[in-house]
N, C-alpha and C. Protein backbone atom coordinates (compact mmCIF):
# COMPACT_ATOMS: atom_id res chain seq x y z
N MET A 1 0.85 -1.19 0.00
CA MET A 1 0.00 0.00 0.00
C MET A 1 0.89 1.24 0.00
N PRO A 2 0.60 2.22 -0.87
CA PRO A 2 1.46 3.42 -0.93
C PRO A 2 1.54 4.14 0.42
N LYS A 3 2.71 4.74 0.67
CA LYS A 3 2.97 5.42 1.93
C LYS A 3 1.94 6.50 2.23
N ARG A 4 1.57 7.29 1.22
CA ARG A 4 0.61 8.38 1.45
C ARG A 4 -0.75 7.85 1.92
N ILE A 5 -1.17 6.72 1.38
CA ILE A 5 -2.45 6.14 1.78
C ILE A 5 -2.36 5.63 3.22
N LEU A 6 -1.25 4.98 3.57
CA LEU A 6 -1.06 4.51 4.94
C LEU A 6 -1.11 5.68 5.92
N HIS A 7 -0.42 6.74 5.58
CA HIS A 7 -0.37 7.91 6.45
C HIS A 7 -1.76 8.54 6.58
N PHE A 8 -2.49 8.62 5.46
CA PHE A 8 -3.84 9.19 5.47
C PHE A 8 -4.76 8.35 6.35
N LEU A 9 -4.70 7.04 6.21
CA LEU A 9 -5.58 6.16 7.00
C LEU A 9 -5.25 6.25 8.48
N PHE A 10 -3.97 6.36 8.82
CA PHE A 10 -3.59 6.49 10.22
C PHE A 10 -4.14 7.80 10.79
N SER A 11 -4.02 8.87 10.02
CA SER A 11 -4.55 10.16 10.48
C SER A 11 -6.07 10.10 10.65
N LEU A 12 -6.75 9.50 9.68
CA LEU A 12 -8.21 9.44 9.69
C LEU A 12 -8.74 8.55 10.82
N CYS A 13 -8.10 7.40 11.03
CA CYS A 13 -8.64 6.39 11.94
C CYS A 13 -8.07 6.47 13.35
N ILE A 14 -6.90 7.06 13.51
CA ILE A 14 -6.26 7.10 14.83
C ILE A 14 -6.07 8.53 15.33
N VAL A 15 -5.31 9.34 14.57
CA VAL A 15 -4.93 10.67 15.07
C VAL A 15 -6.14 11.55 15.28
N TRP A 16 -6.98 11.68 14.27
CA TRP A 16 -8.13 12.58 14.40
C TRP A 16 -9.12 12.13 15.48
N PRO A 17 -9.52 10.87 15.54
CA PRO A 17 -10.43 10.46 16.63
C PRO A 17 -9.84 10.69 18.01
N VAL A 18 -8.56 10.37 18.19
CA VAL A 18 -7.93 10.55 19.51
C VAL A 18 -7.86 12.03 19.87
N MET A 19 -7.39 12.87 18.92
CA MET A 19 -7.17 14.26 19.24
C MET A 19 -8.47 15.05 19.35
N TRP A 20 -9.43 14.79 18.47
CA TRP A 20 -10.63 15.61 18.44
C TRP A 20 -11.79 15.05 19.25
N LEU A 21 -11.86 13.72 19.42
CA LEU A 21 -12.98 13.11 20.14
C LEU A 21 -12.59 12.68 21.55
N TRP A 22 -11.45 12.04 21.70
CA TRP A 22 -11.03 11.55 23.01
C TRP A 22 -10.43 12.68 23.85
N LEU A 23 -9.56 13.50 23.24
CA LEU A 23 -8.91 14.57 23.97
C LEU A 23 -9.59 15.92 23.76
N GLY A 24 -9.52 16.42 22.55
CA GLY A 24 -10.07 17.74 22.26
C GLY A 24 -9.00 18.80 22.24
N LEU A 25 -9.01 19.62 21.20
CA LEU A 25 -8.05 20.71 21.05
C LEU A 25 -8.77 22.04 21.18
N ARG A 26 -8.15 22.95 21.92
CA ARG A 26 -8.62 24.34 21.98
C ARG A 26 -7.55 25.17 21.29
N ILE A 27 -7.90 25.75 20.14
CA ILE A 27 -6.90 26.40 19.28
C ILE A 27 -7.13 27.91 19.23
N LYS A 28 -6.07 28.67 19.49
CA LYS A 28 -6.10 30.12 19.33
C LYS A 28 -5.35 30.51 18.06
N HIS A 29 -5.96 31.40 17.27
CA HIS A 29 -5.33 31.96 16.07
C HIS A 29 -5.05 30.90 15.00
N ARG A 30 -6.03 30.05 14.79
CA ARG A 30 -5.84 29.01 13.77
C ARG A 30 -5.62 29.62 12.39
N GLU A 31 -6.13 30.82 12.18
CA GLU A 31 -5.99 31.47 10.88
C GLU A 31 -4.53 31.75 10.53
N LYS A 32 -3.63 31.70 11.52
CA LYS A 32 -2.22 31.96 11.27
C LYS A 32 -1.48 30.72 10.76
N LEU A 33 -2.14 29.58 10.78
CA LEU A 33 -1.53 28.37 10.26
C LEU A 33 -1.52 28.44 8.73
N PRO A 34 -0.40 28.17 8.09
CA PRO A 34 -0.35 28.29 6.62
C PRO A 34 -1.28 27.29 5.94
N LYS A 35 -1.93 27.75 4.89
CA LYS A 35 -2.86 26.88 4.16
C LYS A 35 -2.12 25.83 3.33
N ARG A 36 -0.86 26.12 3.02
CA ARG A 36 -0.06 25.18 2.22
C ARG A 36 1.41 25.43 2.53
N GLY A 37 2.25 24.47 2.13
CA GLY A 37 3.68 24.61 2.32
C GLY A 37 4.30 25.36 1.16
N PRO A 38 5.58 25.62 1.23
CA PRO A 38 6.47 25.16 2.30
C PRO A 38 6.36 26.01 3.56
N ALA A 39 6.58 25.38 4.70
CA ALA A 39 6.56 26.08 5.99
C ALA A 39 7.37 25.26 6.99
N ILE A 40 7.96 25.98 7.94
CA ILE A 40 8.67 25.36 9.06
C ILE A 40 7.84 25.63 10.31
N VAL A 41 7.26 24.59 10.89
CA VAL A 41 6.47 24.72 12.11
C VAL A 41 7.37 24.37 13.29
N VAL A 42 7.47 25.25 14.27
CA VAL A 42 8.29 24.98 15.46
C VAL A 42 7.40 25.07 16.70
N ALA A 43 7.67 24.19 17.66
CA ALA A 43 6.84 24.15 18.87
C ALA A 43 7.67 23.68 20.06
N ASN A 44 7.17 23.98 21.26
CA ASN A 44 7.78 23.42 22.46
C ASN A 44 7.50 21.92 22.52
N HIS A 45 8.27 21.20 23.34
CA HIS A 45 8.20 19.74 23.29
C HIS A 45 8.24 19.15 24.70
N ASN A 46 7.11 18.56 25.11
CA ASN A 46 7.04 17.93 26.43
C ASN A 46 6.55 16.49 26.38
N SER A 47 6.05 16.03 25.22
CA SER A 47 5.40 14.72 25.17
C SER A 47 5.38 14.21 23.74
N HIS A 48 5.33 12.88 23.58
CA HIS A 48 5.13 12.31 22.25
C HIS A 48 3.79 12.78 21.65
N MET A 49 2.86 13.17 22.49
CA MET A 49 1.56 13.65 22.03
C MET A 49 1.68 14.94 21.23
N ASP A 50 2.80 15.67 21.40
CA ASP A 50 3.00 16.92 20.68
C ASP A 50 2.89 16.72 19.17
N VAL A 51 3.50 15.66 18.66
CA VAL A 51 3.48 15.40 17.22
C VAL A 51 2.05 15.22 16.73
N PHE A 52 1.26 14.44 17.46
CA PHE A 52 -0.12 14.18 17.03
C PHE A 52 -0.98 15.44 17.11
N ALA A 53 -0.73 16.25 18.14
CA ALA A 53 -1.48 17.50 18.27
C ALA A 53 -1.20 18.41 17.07
N LEU A 54 0.07 18.50 16.67
CA LEU A 54 0.43 19.36 15.54
C LEU A 54 -0.08 18.80 14.22
N LEU A 55 0.03 17.49 14.02
CA LEU A 55 -0.48 16.88 12.79
C LEU A 55 -1.97 17.12 12.63
N SER A 56 -2.70 17.07 13.73
CA SER A 56 -4.16 17.18 13.66
C SER A 56 -4.62 18.61 13.35
N LEU A 57 -3.71 19.58 13.37
CA LEU A 57 -4.08 20.94 13.01
C LEU A 57 -4.30 21.08 11.51
N PHE A 58 -3.71 20.17 10.74
CA PHE A 58 -3.76 20.27 9.28
C PHE A 58 -4.86 19.39 8.70
N PRO A 59 -5.49 19.83 7.60
CA PRO A 59 -6.55 19.04 6.97
C PRO A 59 -6.03 17.66 6.54
N LEU A 60 -6.94 16.70 6.48
CA LEU A 60 -6.55 15.35 6.09
C LEU A 60 -5.88 15.31 4.72
N ARG A 61 -6.33 16.16 3.81
CA ARG A 61 -5.76 16.13 2.46
C ARG A 61 -4.30 16.58 2.44
N GLN A 62 -3.85 17.26 3.49
CA GLN A 62 -2.46 17.73 3.55
C GLN A 62 -1.54 16.79 4.32
N GLN A 63 -2.09 15.77 4.97
CA GLN A 63 -1.30 14.96 5.89
C GLN A 63 -0.06 14.36 5.25
N GLY A 64 -0.14 13.98 3.99
CA GLY A 64 1.01 13.39 3.33
C GLY A 64 2.14 14.36 3.08
N ASN A 65 1.86 15.65 3.25
CA ASN A 65 2.87 16.69 3.01
C ASN A 65 3.46 17.26 4.30
N ILE A 66 3.12 16.65 5.46
CA ILE A 66 3.59 17.14 6.75
C ILE A 66 4.61 16.14 7.30
N HIS A 67 5.78 16.65 7.68
CA HIS A 67 6.87 15.77 8.13
C HIS A 67 7.42 16.21 9.48
N PRO A 68 7.12 15.48 10.56
CA PRO A 68 7.82 15.75 11.82
C PRO A 68 9.30 15.38 11.68
N VAL A 69 10.16 16.24 12.19
CA VAL A 69 11.60 15.95 12.20
C VAL A 69 11.91 15.25 13.52
N ALA A 70 12.53 14.07 13.44
CA ALA A 70 12.70 13.25 14.64
C ALA A 70 14.10 12.64 14.69
N ALA A 71 14.53 12.30 15.90
CA ALA A 71 15.88 11.76 16.12
C ALA A 71 15.99 10.35 15.54
N ALA A 72 16.95 10.18 14.64
CA ALA A 72 17.13 8.88 13.99
C ALA A 72 17.49 7.79 14.99
N ASP A 73 18.31 8.12 15.99
CA ASP A 73 18.75 7.09 16.93
C ASP A 73 17.59 6.53 17.77
N TYR A 74 16.53 7.32 17.93
CA TYR A 74 15.36 6.85 18.70
C TYR A 74 14.33 6.20 17.78
N PHE A 75 13.94 6.89 16.72
CA PHE A 75 12.82 6.43 15.90
C PHE A 75 13.21 5.38 14.87
N LEU A 76 14.50 5.20 14.64
CA LEU A 76 14.95 4.15 13.71
C LEU A 76 15.71 3.06 14.45
N ARG A 77 15.45 2.92 15.76
CA ARG A 77 16.28 2.03 16.57
C ARG A 77 16.05 0.54 16.30
N ASN A 78 14.92 0.19 15.70
CA ASN A 78 14.71 -1.19 15.26
C ASN A 78 13.82 -1.17 14.01
N LYS A 79 13.70 -2.31 13.35
CA LYS A 79 13.00 -2.35 12.06
C LYS A 79 11.53 -1.96 12.18
N GLN A 80 10.87 -2.44 13.23
CA GLN A 80 9.45 -2.16 13.39
C GLN A 80 9.20 -0.67 13.64
N MET A 81 9.98 -0.10 14.55
CA MET A 81 9.84 1.33 14.83
C MET A 81 10.19 2.17 13.61
N ALA A 82 11.23 1.76 12.89
CA ALA A 82 11.65 2.50 11.70
C ALA A 82 10.55 2.48 10.64
N TRP A 83 9.95 1.32 10.41
CA TRP A 83 8.89 1.23 9.41
C TRP A 83 7.70 2.11 9.80
N PHE A 84 7.29 2.04 11.06
CA PHE A 84 6.16 2.85 11.53
C PHE A 84 6.48 4.34 11.42
N SER A 85 7.67 4.73 11.84
CA SER A 85 8.04 6.14 11.86
C SER A 85 8.12 6.74 10.46
N LEU A 86 8.71 5.97 9.52
CA LEU A 86 8.90 6.48 8.16
C LEU A 86 7.64 6.40 7.32
N ASN A 87 6.85 5.34 7.48
CA ASN A 87 5.70 5.13 6.62
C ASN A 87 4.38 5.64 7.19
N ILE A 88 4.26 5.63 8.51
CA ILE A 88 3.00 6.04 9.13
C ILE A 88 3.10 7.46 9.69
N LEU A 89 4.14 7.72 10.49
CA LEU A 89 4.31 9.07 11.04
C LEU A 89 4.88 10.05 10.02
N ASN A 90 5.50 9.51 8.97
CA ASN A 90 6.02 10.36 7.88
C ASN A 90 7.16 11.25 8.35
N ILE A 91 8.00 10.72 9.27
CA ILE A 91 9.07 11.55 9.83
C ILE A 91 10.19 11.76 8.84
N ILE A 92 10.96 12.82 9.11
CA ILE A 92 12.27 13.01 8.49
C ILE A 92 13.29 12.73 9.59
N PRO A 93 14.07 11.65 9.47
CA PRO A 93 15.04 11.33 10.53
C PRO A 93 16.27 12.23 10.45
N VAL A 94 16.73 12.68 11.60
CA VAL A 94 17.92 13.52 11.69
C VAL A 94 18.85 12.92 12.73
N SER A 95 20.13 12.82 12.39
CA SER A 95 21.11 12.27 13.31
C SER A 95 21.48 13.29 14.38
N ARG A 96 21.55 12.82 15.64
CA ARG A 96 22.00 13.69 16.73
C ARG A 96 23.48 13.47 17.04
N LYS A 97 24.11 12.58 16.29
CA LYS A 97 25.51 12.23 16.59
C LYS A 97 26.50 13.14 15.91
N GLY A 98 26.05 13.89 14.89
CA GLY A 98 26.96 14.77 14.16
C GLY A 98 27.77 14.00 13.13
N GLY A 99 28.67 14.69 12.49
CA GLY A 99 29.54 14.06 11.51
C GLY A 99 29.04 14.16 10.08
N GLU A 100 27.78 14.55 9.89
CA GLU A 100 27.25 14.69 8.54
C GLU A 100 27.50 16.10 8.03
N SER A 101 27.74 16.22 6.71
CA SER A 101 28.00 17.54 6.13
C SER A 101 26.78 18.44 6.23
N ASN A 102 25.58 17.86 6.07
CA ASN A 102 24.35 18.62 6.21
C ASN A 102 23.26 17.72 6.77
N PRO A 103 23.11 17.65 8.10
CA PRO A 103 22.12 16.75 8.70
C PRO A 103 20.68 17.13 8.38
N LEU A 104 20.47 18.35 7.88
CA LEU A 104 19.12 18.81 7.57
C LEU A 104 18.81 18.74 6.07
N ALA A 105 19.61 17.99 5.32
CA ALA A 105 19.44 17.93 3.87
C ALA A 105 18.05 17.43 3.47
N LEU A 106 17.53 16.42 4.17
CA LEU A 106 16.21 15.89 3.83
C LEU A 106 15.11 16.90 4.15
N CYS A 107 15.32 17.71 5.20
CA CYS A 107 14.36 18.77 5.52
C CYS A 107 14.33 19.80 4.40
N GLU A 108 15.51 20.19 3.94
CA GLU A 108 15.59 21.15 2.83
C GLU A 108 14.89 20.59 1.60
N GLN A 109 15.12 19.32 1.32
CA GLN A 109 14.50 18.68 0.15
C GLN A 109 12.98 18.73 0.24
N ALA A 110 12.43 18.44 1.42
CA ALA A 110 10.98 18.47 1.61
C ALA A 110 10.43 19.89 1.42
N LEU A 111 11.12 20.88 1.96
CA LEU A 111 10.67 22.26 1.84
C LEU A 111 10.73 22.73 0.38
N ARG A 112 11.77 22.34 -0.32
CA ARG A 112 11.87 22.72 -1.74
C ARG A 112 10.77 22.09 -2.57
N ALA A 113 10.23 20.98 -2.07
CA ALA A 113 9.12 20.31 -2.75
C ALA A 113 7.76 20.88 -2.34
N GLY A 114 7.79 21.96 -1.51
CA GLY A 114 6.54 22.61 -1.12
C GLY A 114 5.85 21.97 0.07
N GLU A 115 6.60 21.20 0.86
CA GLU A 115 5.99 20.51 1.99
C GLU A 115 6.28 21.24 3.29
N THR A 116 5.73 20.73 4.38
CA THR A 116 5.85 21.37 5.69
C THR A 116 6.62 20.46 6.63
N VAL A 117 7.58 21.02 7.36
CA VAL A 117 8.31 20.24 8.37
C VAL A 117 7.98 20.78 9.75
N ILE A 118 7.94 19.86 10.71
CA ILE A 118 7.69 20.19 12.12
C ILE A 118 8.98 19.99 12.89
N LEU A 119 9.45 21.04 13.52
CA LEU A 119 10.69 20.98 14.30
C LEU A 119 10.42 21.31 15.76
N PHE A 120 11.12 20.60 16.65
CA PHE A 120 11.10 20.93 18.07
C PHE A 120 12.48 21.47 18.42
N PRO A 121 12.65 22.80 18.46
CA PRO A 121 13.99 23.37 18.62
C PRO A 121 14.66 23.09 19.96
N GLU A 122 13.89 22.60 20.95
CA GLU A 122 14.53 22.18 22.20
C GLU A 122 15.35 20.90 21.99
N GLY A 123 15.02 20.17 20.94
CA GLY A 123 15.79 18.98 20.59
C GLY A 123 15.28 17.70 21.21
N THR A 124 14.67 17.76 22.38
CA THR A 124 14.14 16.57 23.04
C THR A 124 13.04 17.00 23.99
N ARG A 125 12.30 16.03 24.50
CA ARG A 125 11.22 16.36 25.43
C ARG A 125 11.81 16.91 26.73
N GLY A 126 11.36 18.11 27.06
CA GLY A 126 11.88 18.77 28.24
C GLY A 126 10.97 18.60 29.44
N GLU A 127 11.32 19.30 30.51
CA GLU A 127 10.51 19.29 31.73
C GLU A 127 9.23 20.08 31.48
N PRO A 128 8.07 19.52 31.83
CA PRO A 128 6.80 20.23 31.59
C PRO A 128 6.81 21.63 32.19
N GLY A 129 6.40 22.59 31.37
CA GLY A 129 6.30 23.96 31.84
C GLY A 129 7.60 24.74 31.83
N VAL A 130 8.69 24.10 31.43
CA VAL A 130 9.98 24.78 31.38
C VAL A 130 10.57 24.58 29.99
N MET A 131 10.83 25.68 29.28
CA MET A 131 11.39 25.56 27.95
C MET A 131 12.91 25.44 28.01
N SER A 132 13.43 24.38 27.44
CA SER A 132 14.87 24.15 27.41
C SER A 132 15.52 25.11 26.41
N PRO A 133 16.83 25.30 26.50
CA PRO A 133 17.53 26.15 25.52
C PRO A 133 17.27 25.66 24.09
N LEU A 134 17.09 26.61 23.19
CA LEU A 134 16.77 26.25 21.81
C LEU A 134 18.05 25.96 21.02
N LYS A 135 17.99 24.90 20.23
CA LYS A 135 19.10 24.57 19.34
C LYS A 135 18.92 25.33 18.03
N SER A 136 20.02 25.56 17.34
CA SER A 136 20.00 26.49 16.20
C SER A 136 19.73 25.82 14.85
N GLY A 137 19.32 24.55 14.85
CA GLY A 137 19.04 23.88 13.59
C GLY A 137 18.00 24.61 12.75
N VAL A 138 17.01 25.19 13.41
CA VAL A 138 15.97 25.90 12.68
C VAL A 138 16.56 27.11 11.95
N TRP A 139 17.57 27.75 12.54
CA TRP A 139 18.21 28.90 11.88
C TRP A 139 18.96 28.45 10.64
N TYR A 140 19.70 27.35 10.74
CA TYR A 140 20.46 26.85 9.58
C TYR A 140 19.51 26.42 8.46
N LEU A 141 18.38 25.82 8.83
CA LEU A 141 17.40 25.43 7.82
C LEU A 141 16.81 26.66 7.15
N SER A 142 16.52 27.69 7.94
CA SER A 142 15.98 28.93 7.41
C SER A 142 17.00 29.66 6.56
N GLN A 143 18.26 29.53 6.91
CA GLN A 143 19.32 30.16 6.13
C GLN A 143 19.36 29.57 4.71
N ALA A 144 19.11 28.27 4.61
CA ALA A 144 19.13 27.61 3.30
C ALA A 144 17.91 27.98 2.47
N LEU A 145 16.79 28.28 3.15
CA LEU A 145 15.55 28.63 2.44
C LEU A 145 14.93 29.84 3.12
N PRO A 146 15.53 31.02 2.96
CA PRO A 146 15.10 32.21 3.71
C PRO A 146 13.69 32.68 3.39
N GLU A 147 13.12 32.25 2.26
CA GLU A 147 11.77 32.69 1.91
C GLU A 147 10.68 31.88 2.61
N VAL A 148 11.06 30.77 3.26
CA VAL A 148 10.08 29.89 3.90
C VAL A 148 9.71 30.45 5.28
N PRO A 149 8.43 30.63 5.58
CA PRO A 149 8.03 31.17 6.88
C PRO A 149 8.25 30.16 8.01
N ILE A 150 8.53 30.69 9.20
CA ILE A 150 8.66 29.88 10.41
C ILE A 150 7.44 30.16 11.27
N ILE A 151 6.66 29.15 11.56
CA ILE A 151 5.41 29.31 12.29
C ILE A 151 5.59 28.79 13.72
N PRO A 152 5.64 29.68 14.73
CA PRO A 152 5.80 29.23 16.11
C PRO A 152 4.45 28.81 16.72
N ILE A 153 4.48 27.73 17.49
CA ILE A 153 3.26 27.22 18.12
C ILE A 153 3.59 26.81 19.55
N TRP A 154 2.68 27.15 20.48
CA TRP A 154 2.85 26.70 21.86
C TRP A 154 1.78 25.66 22.17
N LEU A 155 2.23 24.55 22.77
CA LEU A 155 1.34 23.46 23.16
C LEU A 155 1.29 23.38 24.68
N HIS A 156 0.10 23.24 25.21
CA HIS A 156 -0.07 23.12 26.66
C HIS A 156 -1.03 21.97 26.96
N GLY A 157 -0.61 21.10 27.87
CA GLY A 157 -1.47 20.00 28.29
C GLY A 157 -1.09 18.65 27.70
N THR A 158 -0.18 18.63 26.72
CA THR A 158 0.20 17.34 26.13
C THR A 158 0.92 16.46 27.15
N ASP A 159 1.71 17.09 28.04
CA ASP A 159 2.43 16.32 29.05
C ASP A 159 1.48 15.70 30.07
N GLN A 160 0.34 16.35 30.31
CA GLN A 160 -0.65 15.79 31.23
C GLN A 160 -1.49 14.72 30.55
N ALA A 161 -1.79 14.94 29.26
CA ALA A 161 -2.57 13.96 28.52
C ALA A 161 -1.79 12.67 28.31
N MET A 162 -0.48 12.81 28.11
CA MET A 162 0.35 11.62 27.89
C MET A 162 1.74 11.88 28.43
N ALA A 163 1.95 11.54 29.69
CA ALA A 163 3.23 11.74 30.33
C ALA A 163 4.23 10.71 29.84
N LYS A 164 5.52 10.96 30.11
CA LYS A 164 6.56 10.00 29.73
C LYS A 164 6.24 8.63 30.33
N GLY A 165 6.32 7.59 29.51
CA GLY A 165 6.06 6.24 29.96
C GLY A 165 4.62 5.80 29.80
N SER A 166 3.71 6.74 29.52
CA SER A 166 2.30 6.39 29.35
C SER A 166 2.06 5.79 27.96
N LEU A 167 1.13 4.86 27.89
CA LEU A 167 0.76 4.25 26.62
C LEU A 167 -0.61 4.70 26.13
N ILE A 168 -1.49 5.06 27.07
CA ILE A 168 -2.84 5.49 26.72
C ILE A 168 -3.05 6.93 27.20
N PRO A 169 -3.44 7.85 26.30
CA PRO A 169 -3.63 9.24 26.72
C PRO A 169 -4.85 9.42 27.62
N LEU A 170 -4.73 10.32 28.57
CA LEU A 170 -5.85 10.67 29.42
C LEU A 170 -6.76 11.65 28.67
N PRO A 171 -8.07 11.58 28.90
CA PRO A 171 -9.00 12.46 28.16
C PRO A 171 -8.99 13.89 28.70
N LEU A 172 -7.94 14.62 28.38
CA LEU A 172 -7.78 16.00 28.84
C LEU A 172 -7.61 16.92 27.64
N PHE A 173 -8.11 18.14 27.75
CA PHE A 173 -7.97 19.11 26.67
C PHE A 173 -6.52 19.52 26.47
N ILE A 174 -6.16 19.76 25.23
CA ILE A 174 -4.85 20.30 24.87
C ILE A 174 -5.06 21.68 24.26
N ASP A 175 -4.30 22.66 24.77
CA ASP A 175 -4.41 24.03 24.27
C ASP A 175 -3.28 24.32 23.29
N VAL A 176 -3.63 24.94 22.17
CA VAL A 176 -2.68 25.24 21.11
C VAL A 176 -2.81 26.72 20.75
N THR A 177 -1.70 27.45 20.76
CA THR A 177 -1.70 28.84 20.32
C THR A 177 -0.70 29.01 19.18
N ILE A 178 -1.18 29.55 18.07
CA ILE A 178 -0.37 29.71 16.87
C ILE A 178 0.04 31.17 16.74
N GLY A 179 1.33 31.41 16.51
CA GLY A 179 1.85 32.77 16.46
C GLY A 179 2.03 33.29 15.04
N ASP A 180 2.42 34.56 14.95
CA ASP A 180 2.71 35.17 13.66
C ASP A 180 3.96 34.55 13.05
N ALA A 181 3.98 34.47 11.73
CA ALA A 181 5.13 33.91 11.03
C ALA A 181 6.38 34.74 11.26
N LEU A 182 7.49 34.06 11.48
CA LEU A 182 8.79 34.69 11.56
C LEU A 182 9.54 34.42 10.26
N HIS A 183 10.54 35.23 9.98
CA HIS A 183 11.30 35.06 8.74
C HIS A 183 12.80 35.11 9.04
N PHE A 184 13.58 34.65 8.12
CA PHE A 184 15.02 34.51 8.32
C PHE A 184 15.68 35.84 8.68
N ASN A 185 16.56 35.77 9.67
CA ASN A 185 17.39 36.91 10.07
C ASN A 185 18.85 36.45 10.00
N GLN A 186 19.69 37.21 9.34
CA GLN A 186 21.08 36.79 9.14
C GLN A 186 21.85 36.64 10.44
N ASP A 187 21.45 37.38 11.45
CA ASP A 187 22.11 37.27 12.76
C ASP A 187 21.50 36.10 13.52
N LYS A 188 22.28 35.04 13.70
CA LYS A 188 21.75 33.84 14.34
C LYS A 188 21.28 34.10 15.77
N GLU A 189 22.07 34.86 16.53
CA GLU A 189 21.70 35.11 17.92
C GLU A 189 20.38 35.90 18.00
N VAL A 190 20.26 36.91 17.16
CA VAL A 190 19.03 37.71 17.14
C VAL A 190 17.85 36.83 16.72
N SER A 191 18.06 36.01 15.72
CA SER A 191 16.99 35.15 15.21
C SER A 191 16.50 34.19 16.28
N MET A 192 17.43 33.53 16.97
CA MET A 192 17.04 32.56 18.00
C MET A 192 16.41 33.25 19.20
N SER A 193 16.88 34.46 19.50
CA SER A 193 16.29 35.23 20.60
C SER A 193 14.85 35.62 20.28
N MET A 194 14.61 36.01 19.02
CA MET A 194 13.25 36.37 18.60
C MET A 194 12.32 35.16 18.68
N LEU A 195 12.83 34.00 18.27
CA LEU A 195 12.01 32.78 18.33
C LEU A 195 11.68 32.44 19.78
N LYS A 196 12.67 32.54 20.65
CA LYS A 196 12.43 32.25 22.07
C LYS A 196 11.38 33.20 22.65
N GLU A 197 11.53 34.50 22.35
CA GLU A 197 10.58 35.49 22.86
C GLU A 197 9.17 35.23 22.34
N GLN A 198 9.07 34.86 21.07
CA GLN A 198 7.75 34.57 20.50
C GLN A 198 7.12 33.36 21.17
N LEU A 199 7.90 32.31 21.39
CA LEU A 199 7.36 31.11 22.03
C LEU A 199 6.91 31.41 23.46
N LEU A 200 7.71 32.18 24.19
CA LEU A 200 7.34 32.52 25.57
C LEU A 200 6.10 33.42 25.59
N ALA A 201 5.97 34.30 24.61
CA ALA A 201 4.76 35.13 24.52
C ALA A 201 3.54 34.27 24.23
N LEU A 202 3.71 33.26 23.39
CA LEU A 202 2.60 32.34 23.10
C LEU A 202 2.25 31.51 24.34
N GLU A 203 3.27 31.14 25.10
CA GLU A 203 3.01 30.42 26.35
C GLU A 203 2.12 31.25 27.27
N GLN A 204 2.44 32.55 27.38
CA GLN A 204 1.67 33.42 28.25
C GLN A 204 0.23 33.56 27.75
N GLN A 205 0.06 33.63 26.43
CA GLN A 205 -1.30 33.69 25.86
C GLN A 205 -2.07 32.41 26.14
N THR A 206 -1.35 31.30 26.18
CA THR A 206 -1.99 30.00 26.33
C THR A 206 -2.35 29.70 27.77
N THR A 207 -1.40 29.99 28.67
CA THR A 207 -1.58 29.57 30.07
C THR A 207 -1.81 30.72 31.04
N GLY A 208 -1.52 31.96 30.57
CA GLY A 208 -1.63 33.10 31.48
C GLY A 208 -0.45 33.25 32.39
N SER A 209 0.61 32.40 32.16
CA SER A 209 1.80 32.47 33.01
C SER A 209 2.70 33.61 32.58
N HIS A 210 3.64 33.97 33.44
CA HIS A 210 4.58 35.04 33.11
C HIS A 210 5.77 34.46 32.37
N SER A 211 6.34 35.25 31.48
CA SER A 211 7.51 34.81 30.73
C SER A 211 8.66 34.56 31.70
N HIS A 212 9.55 33.65 31.30
CA HIS A 212 10.71 33.33 32.13
C HIS A 212 11.90 33.10 31.22
N ASP A 213 13.10 33.07 31.82
CA ASP A 213 14.32 32.86 31.04
C ASP A 213 14.47 31.38 30.74
């Protein structure tokens, strides 16, 4: 069965029922989500549920064009996980070990094809409610394709719906706030600082909490 059909069926039969019927999403500023790619979607990361929450924001007809960027050492660690991750989740695997001339080459390829990639700039699932330092991979990707918008999103409640080690999500609402598109800035430090400030501002809109370092 073609990969796109497998991915579509998984979204239709698993992701959408779980996210919209079992859990439920409360979305702020959905109009800021791009109607089509290419786009770089970036979000905070506290749970495996984050990927499903972000995928469910997009229409079913677009699901085959959405690619979460994920750690190769985790998601390709055995044949079964690798098959599921590549064919069902539609991930783009990225090595965390280094040594590659361009570890984001597949991300660039997807964007040049008009598709959307999902990046978690913290790099791994962090402590709930605390944003870890952002890695600069998103800046290097934007440098290669400066015309592609960066869409920041804050997720709240995914860690409670599905904590580390959980297999079945709890029926709790997940809050999603979508921010204004950011664009490439040649100064890496300024660019990453702007992204951090935007994410923290979205956090405050989502939870009412105060920004923190």
